[in-house]
Amino acid sequence: MLAVQVLTSQSMLHAEIARTAPGREPARQALRLAYEAADEGRYIPMPPLRALIALRHAGAASLLGDKAAFQAAIGQAKARAEPRPLGR
């Protein structure tokens, strides 16, 4: 879990750098780190953590101009962040 948190934090930092730095490499690094976080946390059954990973993915995709990936990641984040009814 700690590794996932570190990777999502690094992804956020690279995305912030990408907003001000020239070139696309920081945004690519942000996306790569979001993928690594998803891979590292694939067996952790925590919807809020998975929502956070999806949000990092969405942020990096938006910086790269990938509208389809952004929308897919936002959909995943919403699905994981919404509370589930009891008994289901």
C-alpha atoms as a PDB file:
ATOM      1  CA  MET A   1       0.000   0.000   0.000  1.00  0.00           C
ATOM      2  CA  LEU A   2       2.863   2.361   0.775  1.00  0.00           C
ATOM      3  CA  ALA A   3       4.345   1.784  -2.687  1.00  0.00           C
ATOM      4  CA  VAL A   4       1.012   2.693  -4.301  1.00  0.00           C
ATOM      5  CA  GLN A   5       0.818   5.901  -2.281  1.00  0.00           C
ATOM      6  CA  VAL A   6       4.366   6.845  -3.238  1.00  0.00           C
ATOM      7  CA  LEU A   7       3.693   6.153  -6.922  1.00  0.00           C
ATOM      8  CA  THR A   8       0.475   8.190  -6.954  1.00  0.00           C
ATOM      9  CA  SER A   9       2.257  11.062  -5.210  1.00  0.00           C
ATOM     10  CA  GLN A  10       5.077  10.945  -7.736  1.00  0.00           C
ATOM     11  CA  SER A  11       2.537  10.894 -10.548  1.00  0.00           C
ATOM     12  CA  MET A  12       0.880  14.008  -9.122  1.00  0.00           C
ATOM     13  CA  LEU A  13       4.240  15.791  -8.834  1.00  0.00           C
ATOM     14  CA  HIS A  14       5.184  14.968 -12.425  1.00  0.00           C
ATOM     15  CA  ALA A  15       1.773  16.189 -13.586  1.00  0.00           C
ATOM     16  CA  GLU A  16       2.343  19.465 -11.750  1.00  0.00           C
ATOM     17  CA  ILE A  17       5.748  19.835 -13.401  1.00  0.00           C
ATOM     18  CA  ALA A  18       4.135  19.103 -16.783  1.00  0.00           C
ATOM     19  CA  ARG A  19       1.776  22.050 -16.320  1.00  0.00           C
ATOM     20  CA  THR A  20       4.691  24.508 -16.239  1.00  0.00           C
ATOM     21  CA  ALA A  21       7.582  22.789 -18.031  1.00  0.00           C
ATOM     22  CA  PRO A  22       8.045  22.663 -21.785  1.00  0.00           C
ATOM     23  CA  GLY A  23       7.724  19.309 -23.520  1.00  0.00           C
ATOM     24  CA  ARG A  24       5.594  16.276 -22.884  1.00  0.00           C
ATOM     25  CA  GLU A  25       8.031  14.097 -20.961  1.00  0.00           C
ATOM     26  CA  PRO A  26       6.821  15.040 -17.448  1.00  0.00           C
ATOM     27  CA  ALA A  27       3.239  14.220 -18.494  1.00  0.00           C
ATOM     28  CA  ARG A  28       4.396  10.877 -19.910  1.00  0.00           C
ATOM     29  CA  GLN A  29       6.184  10.149 -16.647  1.00  0.00           C
ATOM     30  CA  ALA A  30       3.018  11.032 -14.709  1.00  0.00           C
ATOM     31  CA  LEU A  31       1.037   8.569 -16.821  1.00  0.00           C
ATOM     32  CA  ARG A  32       3.693   5.854 -16.475  1.00  0.00           C
ATOM     33  CA  LEU A  33       3.703   6.281 -12.694  1.00  0.00           C
ATOM     34  CA  ALA A  34      -0.102   6.067 -12.591  1.00  0.00           C
ATOM     35  CA  TYR A  35       0.091   2.786 -14.511  1.00  0.00           C
ATOM     36  CA  GLU A  36       2.745   1.508 -12.086  1.00  0.00           C
ATOM     37  CA  ALA A  37       0.534   2.457  -9.135  1.00  0.00           C
ATOM     38  CA  ALA A  38      -2.383   0.574 -10.697  1.00  0.00           C
ATOM     39  CA  ASP A  39      -0.185  -2.467 -11.243  1.00  0.00           C
ATOM     40  CA  GLU A  40       1.217  -2.349  -7.725  1.00  0.00           C
ATOM     41  CA  GLY A  41      -2.225  -1.959  -6.154  1.00  0.00           C
ATOM     42  CA  ARG A  42      -4.092  -4.467  -8.297  1.00  0.00           C
ATOM     43  CA  TYR A  43      -4.713  -6.811  -5.342  1.00  0.00           C
ATOM     44  CA  ILE A  44      -5.539  -4.158  -2.742  1.00  0.00           C
ATOM     45  CA  PRO A  45      -9.339  -4.141  -2.263  1.00  0.00           C
ATOM     46  CA  MET A  46      -9.719  -0.446  -1.421  1.00  0.00           C
ATOM     47  CA  PRO A  47     -12.065   1.459  -3.765  1.00  0.00           C
ATOM     48  CA  PRO A  48     -10.881   4.911  -2.575  1.00  0.00           C
ATOM     49  CA  LEU A  49      -7.291   3.981  -3.399  1.00  0.00           C
ATOM     50  CA  ARG A  50      -8.315   2.741  -6.835  1.00  0.00           C
ATOM     51  CA  ALA A  51     -10.273   5.968  -7.361  1.00  0.00           C
ATOM     52  CA  LEU A  52      -7.149   7.966  -6.520  1.00  0.00           C
ATOM     53  CA  ILE A  53      -5.103   5.966  -9.032  1.00  0.00           C
ATOM     54  CA  ALA A  54      -7.756   6.560 -11.694  1.00  0.00           C
ATOM     55  CA  LEU A  55      -7.690  10.307 -10.958  1.00  0.00           C
ATOM     56  CA  ARG A  56      -3.911  10.390 -11.394  1.00  0.00           C
ATOM     57  CA  HIS A  57      -4.337   8.554 -14.692  1.00  0.00           C
ATOM     58  CA  ALA A  58      -7.011  11.047 -15.786  1.00  0.00           C
ATOM     59  CA  GLY A  59      -4.825  14.015 -14.936  1.00  0.00           C
ATOM     60  CA  ALA A  60      -1.883  12.705 -16.911  1.00  0.00           C
ATOM     61  CA  ALA A  61      -4.082  11.745 -19.866  1.00  0.00           C
ATOM     62  CA  SER A  62      -5.559  15.233 -19.970  1.00  0.00           C
ATOM     63  CA  LEU A  63      -2.089  16.784 -20.036  1.00  0.00           C
ATOM     64  CA  LEU A  64      -1.268  14.598 -23.023  1.00  0.00           C
ATOM     65  CA  GLY A  65      -4.501  15.565 -24.761  1.00  0.00           C
ATOM     66  CA  ASP A  66      -5.939  12.037 -24.732  1.00  0.00           C
ATOM     67  CA  LYS A  67      -9.656  12.757 -24.319  1.00  0.00           C
ATOM     68  CA  ALA A  68     -10.774   9.110 -24.523  1.00  0.00           C
ATOM     69  CA  ALA A  69      -8.321   7.962 -21.835  1.00  0.00           C
ATOM     70  CA  PHE A  70      -9.287  10.924 -19.668  1.00  0.00           C
ATOM     71  CA  GLN A  71     -12.996  10.117 -19.889  1.00  0.00           C
ATOM     72  CA  ALA A  72     -12.401   6.420 -19.208  1.00  0.00           C
ATOM     73  CA  ALA A  73     -10.280   7.179 -16.140  1.00  0.00           C
ATOM     74  CA  ILE A  74     -12.825   9.675 -14.797  1.00  0.00           C
ATOM     75  CA  GLY A  75     -15.535   7.037 -15.239  1.00  0.00           C
ATOM     76  CA  GLN A  76     -13.458   4.539 -13.266  1.00  0.00           C
ATOM     77  CA  ALA A  77     -12.805   7.056 -10.513  1.00  0.00           C
ATOM     78  CA  LYS A  78     -16.503   7.902 -10.219  1.00  0.00           C
ATOM     79  CA  ALA A  79     -17.482   4.239 -10.119  1.00  0.00           C
ATOM     80  CA  ARG A  80     -15.053   3.530  -7.299  1.00  0.00           C
ATOM     81  CA  ALA A  81     -15.765   6.688  -5.319  1.00  0.00           C
ATOM     82  CA  GLU A  82     -19.554   6.341  -5.263  1.00  0.00           C
ATOM     83  CA  PRO A  83     -20.911   4.676  -2.140  1.00  0.00           C
ATOM     84  CA  ARG A  84     -22.521   1.323  -2.692  1.00  0.00           C
ATOM     85  CA  PRO A  85     -25.934   0.509  -1.216  1.00  0.00           C
ATOM     86  CA  LEU A  86     -25.893  -1.885   1.715  1.00  0.00           C
ATOM     87  CA  GLY A  87     -26.585  -5.515   0.920  1.00  0.00           C
ATOM     88  CA  ARG A  88     -25.162  -5.473  -2.594  1.00  0.00           C
END
